All heavy atoms as atom14 arrays in JSON, in Angstrom:
{
  "sequence": "ARTSSTAPSPTSFVDLPTQPLPAAGRSQTFTVSYRNDTAADQTVAPQ",
  "atom14_mask": [
    [1, 1, 1, 1, 1, 0, 0, 0, 0, 0, 0, 0, 0, 0],
    [1, 1, 1, 1, 1, 1, 1, 1, 1, 1, 1, 0, 0, 0],
    [1, 1, 1, 1, 1, 1, 1, 0, 0, 0, 0, 0, 0, 0],
    [1, 1, 1, 1, 1, 1, 0, 0, 0, 0, 0, 0, 0, 0],
    [1, 1, 1, 1, 1, 1, 0, 0, 0, 0, 0, 0, 0, 0],
    [1, 1, 1, 1, 1, 1, 1, 0, 0, 0, 0, 0, 0, 0],
    [1, 1, 1, 1, 1, 0, 0, 0, 0, 0, 0, 0, 0, 0],
    [1, 1, 1, 1, 1, 1, 1, 0, 0, 0, 0, 0, 0, 0],
    [1, 1, 1, 1, 1, 1, 0, 0, 0, 0, 0, 0, 0, 0],
    [1, 1, 1, 1, 1, 1, 1, 0, 0, 0, 0, 0, 0, 0],
    [1, 1, 1, 1, 1, 1, 1, 0, 0, 0, 0, 0, 0, 0],
    [1, 1, 1, 1, 1, 1, 0, 0, 0, 0, 0, 0, 0, 0],
    [1, 1, 1, 1, 1, 1, 1, 1, 1, 1, 1, 0, 0, 0],
    [1, 1, 1, 1, 1, 1, 1, 0, 0, 0, 0, 0, 0, 0],
    [1, 1, 1, 1, 1, 1, 1, 1, 0, 0, 0, 0, 0, 0],
    [1, 1, 1, 1, 1, 1, 1, 1, 0, 0, 0, 0, 0, 0],
    [1, 1, 1, 1, 1, 1, 1, 0, 0, 0, 0, 0, 0, 0],
    [1, 1, 1, 1, 1, 1, 1, 0, 0, 0, 0, 0, 0, 0],
    [1, 1, 1, 1, 1, 1, 1, 1, 1, 0, 0, 0, 0, 0],
    [1, 1, 1, 1, 1, 1, 1, 0, 0, 0, 0, 0, 0, 0],
    [1, 1, 1, 1, 1, 1, 1, 1, 0, 0, 0, 0, 0, 0],
    [1, 1, 1, 1, 1, 1, 1, 0, 0, 0, 0, 0, 0, 0],
    [1, 1, 1, 1, 1, 0, 0, 0, 0, 0, 0, 0, 0, 0],
    [1, 1, 1, 1, 1, 0, 0, 0, 0, 0, 0, 0, 0, 0],
    [1, 1, 1, 1, 0, 0, 0, 0, 0, 0, 0, 0, 0, 0],
    [1, 1, 1, 1, 1, 1, 1, 1, 1, 1, 1, 0, 0, 0],
    [1, 1, 1, 1, 1, 1, 0, 0, 0, 0, 0, 0, 0, 0],
    [1, 1, 1, 1, 1, 1, 1, 1, 1, 0, 0, 0, 0, 0],
    [1, 1, 1, 1, 1, 1, 1, 0, 0, 0, 0, 0, 0, 0],
    [1, 1, 1, 1, 1, 1, 1, 1, 1, 1, 1, 0, 0, 0],
    [1, 1, 1, 1, 1, 1, 1, 0, 0, 0, 0, 0, 0, 0],
    [1, 1, 1, 1, 1, 1, 1, 0, 0, 0, 0, 0, 0, 0],
    [1, 1, 1, 1, 1, 1, 0, 0, 0, 0, 0, 0, 0, 0],
    [1, 1, 1, 1, 1, 1, 1, 1, 1, 1, 1, 1, 0, 0],
    [1, 1, 1, 1, 1, 1, 1, 1, 1, 1, 1, 0, 0, 0],
    [1, 1, 1, 1, 1, 1, 1, 1, 0, 0, 0, 0, 0, 0],
    [1, 1, 1, 1, 1, 1, 1, 1, 0, 0, 0, 0, 0, 0],
    [1, 1, 1, 1, 1, 1, 1, 0, 0, 0, 0, 0, 0, 0],
    [1, 1, 1, 1, 1, 0, 0, 0, 0, 0, 0, 0, 0, 0],
    [1, 1, 1, 1, 1, 0, 0, 0, 0, 0, 0, 0, 0, 0],
    [1, 1, 1, 1, 1, 1, 1, 1, 0, 0, 0, 0, 0, 0],
    [1, 1, 1, 1, 1, 1, 1, 1, 1, 0, 0, 0, 0, 0],
    [1, 1, 1, 1, 1, 1, 1, 0, 0, 0, 0, 0, 0, 0],
    [1, 1, 1, 1, 1, 1, 1, 0, 0, 0, 0, 0, 0, 0],
    [1, 1, 1, 1, 1, 0, 0, 0, 0, 0, 0, 0, 0, 0],
    [1, 1, 1, 1, 1, 1, 1, 0, 0, 0, 0, 0, 0, 0],
    [1, 1, 1, 1, 1, 1, 1, 1, 1, 0, 0, 0, 0, 0]
  ],
  "atom14_positions": [
    [[3.53, -29.66, 5.01], [3.77, -28.54, 5.91], [4.66, -29.01, 7.03], [4.55, -30.16, 7.5], [2.4, -28.01, 6.49], [0.0, 0.0, 0.0], [0.0, 0.0, 0.0], [0.0, 0.0, 0.0], [0.0, 0.0, 0.0], [0.0, 0.0, 0.0], [0.0, 0.0, 0.0], [0.0, 0.0, 0.0], [0.0, 0.0, 0.0], [0.0, 0.0, 0.0]],
    [[5.52, -28.13, 7.49], [6.46, -28.49, 8.57], [5.75, -28.39, 9.91], [5.01, -27.47, 10.16], [7.59, -27.49, 8.56], [8.57, -27.65, 9.72], [9.68, -26.69, 9.61], [10.49, -27.1, 8.49], [11.74, -26.69, 8.3], [12.28, -25.81, 9.07], [12.41, -27.11, 7.3], [0.0, 0.0, 0.0], [0.0, 0.0, 0.0], [0.0, 0.0, 0.0]],
    [[5.94, -29.37, 10.71], [5.39, -29.34, 12.07], [6.54, -29.39, 13.05], [7.39, -30.3, 13.0], [4.37, -30.49, 12.36], [5.05, -31.69, 12.09], [3.17, -30.34, 11.41], [0.0, 0.0, 0.0], [0.0, 0.0, 0.0], [0.0, 0.0, 0.0], [0.0, 0.0, 0.0], [0.0, 0.0, 0.0], [0.0, 0.0, 0.0], [0.0, 0.0, 0.0]],
    [[6.58, -28.45, 13.96], [7.65, -28.39, 14.94], [7.15, -27.54, 16.1], [6.35, -26.65, 15.96], [8.86, -27.68, 14.26], [9.84, -27.43, 15.21], [0.0, 0.0, 0.0], [0.0, 0.0, 0.0], [0.0, 0.0, 0.0], [0.0, 0.0, 0.0], [0.0, 0.0, 0.0], [0.0, 0.0, 0.0], [0.0, 0.0, 0.0], [0.0, 0.0, 0.0]],
    [[7.68, -27.87, 17.28], [7.29, -27.1, 18.46], [7.91, -25.73, 18.41], [7.34, -24.75, 18.92], [7.68, -27.82, 19.71], [9.03, -28.06, 19.76], [0.0, 0.0, 0.0], [0.0, 0.0, 0.0], [0.0, 0.0, 0.0], [0.0, 0.0, 0.0], [0.0, 0.0, 0.0], [0.0, 0.0, 0.0], [0.0, 0.0, 0.0], [0.0, 0.0, 0.0]],
    [[9.09, -25.59, 17.81], [9.71, -24.27, 17.61], [9.99, -24.1, 16.16], [10.94, -24.66, 15.6], [11.05, -24.19, 18.4], [10.73, -24.46, 19.78], [11.66, -22.84, 18.32], [0.0, 0.0, 0.0], [0.0, 0.0, 0.0], [0.0, 0.0, 0.0], [0.0, 0.0, 0.0], [0.0, 0.0, 0.0], [0.0, 0.0, 0.0], [0.0, 0.0, 0.0]],
    [[9.16, -23.3, 15.49], [9.27, -23.1, 14.02], [10.51, -22.22, 13.76], [10.74, -21.27, 14.48], [8.04, -22.45, 13.47], [0.0, 0.0, 0.0], [0.0, 0.0, 0.0], [0.0, 0.0, 0.0], [0.0, 0.0, 0.0], [0.0, 0.0, 0.0], [0.0, 0.0, 0.0], [0.0, 0.0, 0.0], [0.0, 0.0, 0.0], [0.0, 0.0, 0.0]],
    [[11.28, -22.58, 12.73], [12.42, -21.76, 12.4], [12.0, -20.45, 11.72], [10.9, -20.33, 11.21], [13.19, -22.59, 11.41], [12.13, -23.44, 10.78], [11.12, -23.69, 11.85], [0.0, 0.0, 0.0], [0.0, 0.0, 0.0], [0.0, 0.0, 0.0], [0.0, 0.0, 0.0], [0.0, 0.0, 0.0], [0.0, 0.0, 0.0], [0.0, 0.0, 0.0]],
    [[12.85, -19.45, 11.73], [12.63, -18.21, 11.06], [13.12, -18.3, 9.63], [14.08, -18.99, 9.37], [13.34, -17.05, 11.76], [12.81, -16.88, 13.09], [0.0, 0.0, 0.0], [0.0, 0.0, 0.0], [0.0, 0.0, 0.0], [0.0, 0.0, 0.0], [0.0, 0.0, 0.0], [0.0, 0.0, 0.0], [0.0, 0.0, 0.0], [0.0, 0.0, 0.0]],
    [[12.52, -17.54, 8.72], [13.07, -17.56, 7.36], [14.45, -16.99, 7.3], [14.81, -16.13, 8.1], [12.08, -16.6, 6.6], [10.87, -16.49, 7.47], [11.31, -16.74, 8.88], [0.0, 0.0, 0.0], [0.0, 0.0, 0.0], [0.0, 0.0, 0.0], [0.0, 0.0, 0.0], [0.0, 0.0, 0.0], [0.0, 0.0, 0.0], [0.0, 0.0, 0.0]],
    [[15.27, -17.55, 6.37], [16.63, -17.07, 6.24], [16.7, -15.9, 5.2], [17.62, -15.13, 5.24], [17.57, -18.16, 5.85], [17.05, -18.83, 4.64], [17.72, -19.24, 6.94], [0.0, 0.0, 0.0], [0.0, 0.0, 0.0], [0.0, 0.0, 0.0], [0.0, 0.0, 0.0], [0.0, 0.0, 0.0], [0.0, 0.0, 0.0], [0.0, 0.0, 0.0]],
    [[15.73, -15.87, 4.3], [15.68, -14.79, 3.33], [14.29, -14.77, 2.67], [13.47, -15.67, 2.86], [16.77, -14.96, 2.27], [16.57, -16.15, 1.51], [0.0, 0.0, 0.0], [0.0, 0.0, 0.0], [0.0, 0.0, 0.0], [0.0, 0.0, 0.0], [0.0, 0.0, 0.0], [0.0, 0.0, 0.0], [0.0, 0.0, 0.0], [0.0, 0.0, 0.0]],
    [[14.05, -13.73, 1.85], [12.81, -13.63, 1.1], [13.13, -13.36, -0.34], [14.08, -12.64, -0.63], [11.99, -12.43, 1.68], [11.46, -12.66, 3.08], [12.16, -12.34, 4.16], [10.22, -13.29, 3.27], [11.67, -12.55, 5.46], [9.72, -13.49, 4.49], [10.45, -13.15, 5.65], [0.0, 0.0, 0.0], [0.0, 0.0, 0.0], [0.0, 0.0, 0.0]],
    [[12.27, -13.89, -1.23], [12.36, -13.53, -2.62], [11.17, -12.65, -2.91], [10.01, -13.07, -2.86], [12.34, -14.77, -3.52], [12.3, -14.41, -4.98], [13.51, -15.7, -3.19], [0.0, 0.0, 0.0], [0.0, 0.0, 0.0], [0.0, 0.0, 0.0], [0.0, 0.0, 0.0], [0.0, 0.0, 0.0], [0.0, 0.0, 0.0], [0.0, 0.0, 0.0]],
    [[11.43, -11.32, -3.15], [10.35, -10.39, -3.44], [9.89, -10.5, -4.88], [10.7, -10.63, -5.79], [10.84, -8.97, -3.15], [11.11, -8.72, -1.72], [10.4, -9.24, -0.85], [12.12, -8.02, -1.42], [0.0, 0.0, 0.0], [0.0, 0.0, 0.0], [0.0, 0.0, 0.0], [0.0, 0.0, 0.0], [0.0, 0.0, 0.0], [0.0, 0.0, 0.0]],
    [[8.62, -10.48, -5.07], [8.0, -10.5, -6.4], [7.54, -9.06, -6.71], [7.53, -8.19, -5.81], [6.84, -11.45, -6.4], [7.22, -12.89, -6.1], [5.97, -13.76, -5.88], [8.1, -13.46, -7.2], [0.0, 0.0, 0.0], [0.0, 0.0, 0.0], [0.0, 0.0, 0.0], [0.0, 0.0, 0.0], [0.0, 0.0, 0.0], [0.0, 0.0, 0.0]],
    [[7.26, -8.74, -7.98], [6.85, -7.39, -8.32], [5.66, -6.83, -7.47], [4.72, -7.57, -7.26], [6.53, -7.47, -9.79], [7.23, -8.66, -10.29], [7.29, -9.6, -9.1], [0.0, 0.0, 0.0], [0.0, 0.0, 0.0], [0.0, 0.0, 0.0], [0.0, 0.0, 0.0], [0.0, 0.0, 0.0], [0.0, 0.0, 0.0], [0.0, 0.0, 0.0]],
    [[5.78, -5.59, -7.05], [4.69, -4.96, -6.31], [3.72, -4.36, -7.3], [4.02, -4.13, -8.44], [5.25, -3.88, -5.39], [5.91, -2.89, -6.15], [6.23, -4.47, -4.4], [0.0, 0.0, 0.0], [0.0, 0.0, 0.0], [0.0, 0.0, 0.0], [0.0, 0.0, 0.0], [0.0, 0.0, 0.0], [0.0, 0.0, 0.0], [0.0, 0.0, 0.0]],
    [[2.52, -4.09, -6.79], [1.49, -3.42, -7.6], [0.55, -2.69, -6.66], [0.41, -3.07, -5.46], [0.76, -4.44, -8.47], [0.26, -5.65, -7.75], [-0.17, -6.75, -8.69], [-0.9, -6.51, -9.61], [0.32, -7.94, -8.48], [0.0, 0.0, 0.0], [0.0, 0.0, 0.0], [0.0, 0.0, 0.0], [0.0, 0.0, 0.0], [0.0, 0.0, 0.0]],
    [[-0.12, -1.68, -7.14], [-1.06, -0.93, -6.26], [-2.28, -1.78, -5.99], [-2.68, -2.68, -6.75], [-1.44, 0.32, -7.05], [-1.07, 0.0, -8.48], [-0.03, -1.06, -8.43], [0.0, 0.0, 0.0], [0.0, 0.0, 0.0], [0.0, 0.0, 0.0], [0.0, 0.0, 0.0], [0.0, 0.0, 0.0], [0.0, 0.0, 0.0], [0.0, 0.0, 0.0]],
    [[-2.9, -1.5, -4.85], [-4.19, -2.17, -4.52], [-5.19, -1.81, -5.55], [-5.15, -0.69, -6.12], [-4.69, -1.69, -3.16], [-4.2, -2.38, -1.93], [-4.82, -1.76, -0.7], [-4.43, -3.81, -1.92], [0.0, 0.0, 0.0], [0.0, 0.0, 0.0], [0.0, 0.0, 0.0], [0.0, 0.0, 0.0], [0.0, 0.0, 0.0], [0.0, 0.0, 0.0]],
    [[-6.1, -2.68, -5.9], [-7.16, -2.33, -6.86], [-8.07, -1.29, -6.23], [-8.14, -1.14, -4.99], [-7.89, -3.65, -7.08], [-7.59, -4.5, -5.91], [-6.22, -4.08, -5.42], [0.0, 0.0, 0.0], [0.0, 0.0, 0.0], [0.0, 0.0, 0.0], [0.0, 0.0, 0.0], [0.0, 0.0, 0.0], [0.0, 0.0, 0.0], [0.0, 0.0, 0.0]],
    [[-8.84, -0.58, -7.08], [-9.81, 0.4, -6.61], [-10.86, -0.27, -5.74], [-11.09, -1.5, -5.87], [-10.44, 1.11, -7.78], [0.0, 0.0, 0.0], [0.0, 0.0, 0.0], [0.0, 0.0, 0.0], [0.0, 0.0, 0.0], [0.0, 0.0, 0.0], [0.0, 0.0, 0.0], [0.0, 0.0, 0.0], [0.0, 0.0, 0.0], [0.0, 0.0, 0.0]],
    [[-11.51, 0.48, -4.9], [-12.56, -0.04, -3.99], [-13.57, -0.81, -4.79], [-14.08, -0.38, -5.81], [-13.16, 1.07, -3.22], [0.0, 0.0, 0.0], [0.0, 0.0, 0.0], [0.0, 0.0, 0.0], [0.0, 0.0, 0.0], [0.0, 0.0, 0.0], [0.0, 0.0, 0.0], [0.0, 0.0, 0.0], [0.0, 0.0, 0.0], [0.0, 0.0, 0.0]],
    [[-13.86, -2.02, -4.26], [-14.91, -2.84, -4.88], [-14.36, -3.68, -6.06], [-15.08, -4.52, -6.59], [0.0, 0.0, 0.0], [0.0, 0.0, 0.0], [0.0, 0.0, 0.0], [0.0, 0.0, 0.0], [0.0, 0.0, 0.0], [0.0, 0.0, 0.0], [0.0, 0.0, 0.0], [0.0, 0.0, 0.0], [0.0, 0.0, 0.0], [0.0, 0.0, 0.0]],
    [[-13.15, -3.48, -6.44], [-12.55, -4.24, -7.53], [-11.63, -5.31, -7.0], [-11.08, -5.2, -5.92], [-11.69, -3.27, -8.42], [-12.38, -2.02, -8.88], [-13.14, -2.08, -10.16], [-12.64, -2.93, -11.2], [-12.35, -2.56, -12.43], [-12.49, -1.29, -12.77], [-11.96, -3.44, -13.26], [0.0, 0.0, 0.0], [0.0, 0.0, 0.0], [0.0, 0.0, 0.0]],
    [[-11.5, -6.37, -7.76], [-10.63, -7.48, -7.41], [-9.46, -7.6, -8.34], [-9.53, -7.17, -9.48], [-11.44, -8.8, -7.41], [-12.46, -8.77, -6.46], [0.0, 0.0, 0.0], [0.0, 0.0, 0.0], [0.0, 0.0, 0.0], [0.0, 0.0, 0.0], [0.0, 0.0, 0.0], [0.0, 0.0, 0.0], [0.0, 0.0, 0.0], [0.0, 0.0, 0.0]],
    [[-8.44, -8.24, -7.9], [-7.17, -8.44, -8.67], [-6.65, -9.81, -8.3], [-6.59, -10.19, -7.14], [-6.24, -7.36, -8.29], [-4.93, -7.35, -9.02], [-4.14, -6.09, -8.6], [-4.67, -5.02, -8.59], [-2.91, -6.24, -8.21], [0.0, 0.0, 0.0], [0.0, 0.0, 0.0], [0.0, 0.0, 0.0], [0.0, 0.0, 0.0], [0.0, 0.0, 0.0]],
    [[-6.33, -10.59, -9.32], [-5.79, -11.94, -9.15], [-4.25, -11.83, -9.35], [-3.81, -11.14, -10.26], [-6.39, -12.92, -10.11], [-7.81, -12.93, -9.91], [-5.87, -14.31, -9.89], [0.0, 0.0, 0.0], [0.0, 0.0, 0.0], [0.0, 0.0, 0.0], [0.0, 0.0, 0.0], [0.0, 0.0, 0.0], [0.0, 0.0, 0.0], [0.0, 0.0, 0.0]],
    [[-3.51, -12.55, -8.5], [-2.02, -12.59, -8.69], [-1.49, -13.94, -8.19], [-2.22, -14.67, -7.5], [-1.37, -11.41, -7.96], [-1.58, -11.44, -6.44], [-0.61, -11.96, -5.64], [-2.73, -10.94, -5.89], [-0.78, -11.98, -4.23], [-2.95, -10.95, -4.53], [-1.99, -11.48, -3.67], [0.0, 0.0, 0.0], [0.0, 0.0, 0.0], [0.0, 0.0, 0.0]],
    [[-0.27, -14.26, -8.58], [0.3, -15.55, -8.2], [1.65, -15.34, -7.54], [2.43, -14.49, -7.93], [0.54, -16.36, -9.5], [-0.7, -16.52, -10.16], [1.15, -17.71, -9.21], [0.0, 0.0, 0.0], [0.0, 0.0, 0.0], [0.0, 0.0, 0.0], [0.0, 0.0, 0.0], [0.0, 0.0, 0.0], [0.0, 0.0, 0.0], [0.0, 0.0, 0.0]],
    [[1.87, -16.09, -6.43], [3.18, -16.16, -5.8], [3.8, -17.4, -6.29], [3.24, -18.5, -6.09], [3.04, -16.17, -4.25], [4.4, -16.31, -3.6], [2.35, -14.9, -3.78], [0.0, 0.0, 0.0], [0.0, 0.0, 0.0], [0.0, 0.0, 0.0], [0.0, 0.0, 0.0], [0.0, 0.0, 0.0], [0.0, 0.0, 0.0], [0.0, 0.0, 0.0]],
    [[4.98, -17.32, -6.89], [5.61, -18.46, -7.55], [7.08, -18.5, -7.16], [7.71, -17.43, -7.08], [5.43, -18.39, -9.06], [5.95, -19.51, -9.67], [0.0, 0.0, 0.0], [0.0, 0.0, 0.0], [0.0, 0.0, 0.0], [0.0, 0.0, 0.0], [0.0, 0.0, 0.0], [0.0, 0.0, 0.0], [0.0, 0.0, 0.0], [0.0, 0.0, 0.0]],
    [[7.61, -19.7, -6.95], [9.02, -19.87, -6.67], [9.46, -21.28, -7.12], [8.76, -22.26, -6.79], [9.36, -19.68, -5.2], [10.8, -19.93, -4.88], [11.76, -18.94, -5.06], [11.23, -21.14, -4.32], [13.08, -19.13, -4.83], [12.58, -21.37, -4.08], [13.5, -20.36, -4.33], [14.83, -20.57, -4.08], [0.0, 0.0, 0.0], [0.0, 0.0, 0.0]],
    [[10.55, -21.38, -7.86], [11.07, -22.73, -8.29], [12.27, -23.08, -7.5], [13.2, -22.29, -7.36], [11.35, -22.7, -9.77], [11.92, -24.01, -10.29], [12.02, -23.98, -11.81], [12.63, -25.17, -12.28], [12.08, -26.35, -12.42], [10.79, -26.5, -12.15], [12.73, -27.38, -12.9], [0.0, 0.0, 0.0], [0.0, 0.0, 0.0], [0.0, 0.0, 0.0]],
    [[12.37, -24.31, -7.01], [13.51, -24.81, -6.29], [14.55, -25.34, -7.36], [14.4, -26.43, -7.9], [13.17, -25.94, -5.34], [14.4, -26.47, -4.63], [15.52, -25.97, -4.76], [14.22, -27.55, -3.82], [0.0, 0.0, 0.0], [0.0, 0.0, 0.0], [0.0, 0.0, 0.0], [0.0, 0.0, 0.0], [0.0, 0.0, 0.0], [0.0, 0.0, 0.0]],
    [[15.49, -24.47, -7.66], [16.52, -24.81, -8.66], [17.76, -25.46, -7.99], [18.79, -25.6, -8.65], [16.95, -23.58, -9.44], [15.83, -23.15, -10.42], [15.12, -24.0, -10.92], [15.76, -21.92, -10.68], [0.0, 0.0, 0.0], [0.0, 0.0, 0.0], [0.0, 0.0, 0.0], [0.0, 0.0, 0.0], [0.0, 0.0, 0.0], [0.0, 0.0, 0.0]],
    [[17.67, -25.8, -6.71], [18.81, -26.39, -6.01], [18.75, -27.93, -6.15], [17.77, -28.51, -6.62], [18.81, -26.01, -4.51], [17.75, -26.68, -3.85], [18.73, -24.5, -4.33], [0.0, 0.0, 0.0], [0.0, 0.0, 0.0], [0.0, 0.0, 0.0], [0.0, 0.0, 0.0], [0.0, 0.0, 0.0], [0.0, 0.0, 0.0], [0.0, 0.0, 0.0]],
    [[19.78, -28.58, -5.65], [19.81, -30.03, -5.66], [19.29, -30.65, -4.39], [19.32, -31.9, -4.23], [21.28, -30.48, -5.91], [0.0, 0.0, 0.0], [0.0, 0.0, 0.0], [0.0, 0.0, 0.0], [0.0, 0.0, 0.0], [0.0, 0.0, 0.0], [0.0, 0.0, 0.0], [0.0, 0.0, 0.0], [0.0, 0.0, 0.0], [0.0, 0.0, 0.0]],
    [[18.81, -29.85, -3.5], [18.35, -30.33, -2.2], [16.86, -29.83, -1.95], [16.4, -28.87, -2.55], [19.19, -29.8, -1.07], [0.0, 0.0, 0.0], [0.0, 0.0, 0.0], [0.0, 0.0, 0.0], [0.0, 0.0, 0.0], [0.0, 0.0, 0.0], [0.0, 0.0, 0.0], [0.0, 0.0, 0.0], [0.0, 0.0, 0.0], [0.0, 0.0, 0.0]],
    [[16.15, -30.5, -1.01], [14.87, -30.07, -0.65], [14.96, -28.67, -0.1], [15.98, -28.3, 0.53], [14.25, -30.97, 0.4], [13.76, -32.32, -0.15], [13.75, -32.48, -1.38], [13.41, -33.18, 0.67], [0.0, 0.0, 0.0], [0.0, 0.0, 0.0], [0.0, 0.0, 0.0], [0.0, 0.0, 0.0], [0.0, 0.0, 0.0], [0.0, 0.0, 0.0]],
    [[13.93, -27.81, -0.24], [13.93, -26.48, 0.23], [12.58, -26.16, 0.87], [11.56, -26.38, 0.24], [14.25, -25.49, -0.88], [14.51, -24.08, -0.45], [15.07, -23.26, -1.61], [14.71, -23.42, -2.74], [15.92, -22.33, -1.3], [0.0, 0.0, 0.0], [0.0, 0.0, 0.0], [0.0, 0.0, 0.0], [0.0, 0.0, 0.0], [0.0, 0.0, 0.0]],
    [[12.59, -25.63, 2.07], [11.35, -25.25, 2.76], [11.07, -23.81, 2.37], [11.96, -22.93, 2.49], [11.49, -25.42, 4.27], [11.79, -26.76, 4.56], [10.2, -25.05, 4.99], [0.0, 0.0, 0.0], [0.0, 0.0, 0.0], [0.0, 0.0, 0.0], [0.0, 0.0, 0.0], [0.0, 0.0, 0.0], [0.0, 0.0, 0.0], [0.0, 0.0, 0.0]],
    [[9.84, -23.55, 1.94], [9.4, -22.26, 1.47], [8.04, -21.93, 2.02], [7.33, -22.8, 2.46], [9.44, -22.09, -0.06], [10.81, -22.41, -0.63], [8.38, -23.05, -0.67], [0.0, 0.0, 0.0], [0.0, 0.0, 0.0], [0.0, 0.0, 0.0], [0.0, 0.0, 0.0], [0.0, 0.0, 0.0], [0.0, 0.0, 0.0], [0.0, 0.0, 0.0]],
    [[7.64, -20.68, 1.91], [6.26, -20.27, 2.31], [5.87, -19.02, 1.46], [6.64, -18.06, 1.5], [6.15, -19.97, 3.77], [0.0, 0.0, 0.0], [0.0, 0.0, 0.0], [0.0, 0.0, 0.0], [0.0, 0.0, 0.0], [0.0, 0.0, 0.0], [0.0, 0.0, 0.0], [0.0, 0.0, 0.0], [0.0, 0.0, 0.0], [0.0, 0.0, 0.0]],
    [[4.71, -19.08, 0.82], [4.28, -17.88, 0.12], [3.78, -16.87, 1.2], [3.25, -17.25, 2.24], [3.1, -18.37, -0.73], [2.6, -19.56, 0.0], [3.78, -20.19, 0.66], [0.0, 0.0, 0.0], [0.0, 0.0, 0.0], [0.0, 0.0, 0.0], [0.0, 0.0, 0.0], [0.0, 0.0, 0.0], [0.0, 0.0, 0.0], [0.0, 0.0, 0.0]],
    [[3.98, -15.57, 0.91], [3.48, -14.56, 1.81], [3.0, -13.37, 1.06], [3.58, -13.01, 0.04], [4.55, -14.1, 2.84], [3.96, -13.17, 3.86], [4.96, -12.72, 4.92], [6.12, -12.39, 4.59], [4.55, -12.72, 6.17], [0.0, 0.0, 0.0], [0.0, 0.0, 0.0], [0.0, 0.0, 0.0], [0.0, 0.0, 0.0], [0.0, 0.0, 0.0]]
  ]
}
C-alpha cells in the first residue's frame, strides 16, 4: 500500500460491468480484477 502525507488522485478508472443489487436478504459475489499489461509498476485500487 502507498503511504504518503498527500495521496495522489487517480488519473483514470477502468469500469467493470454493472449489475443490479441483489434482492433483499440475498447475497451476490463479484470480483474486481485488473492486469498490469505495461512494462512499468502501476499503482491501482479496487473500488
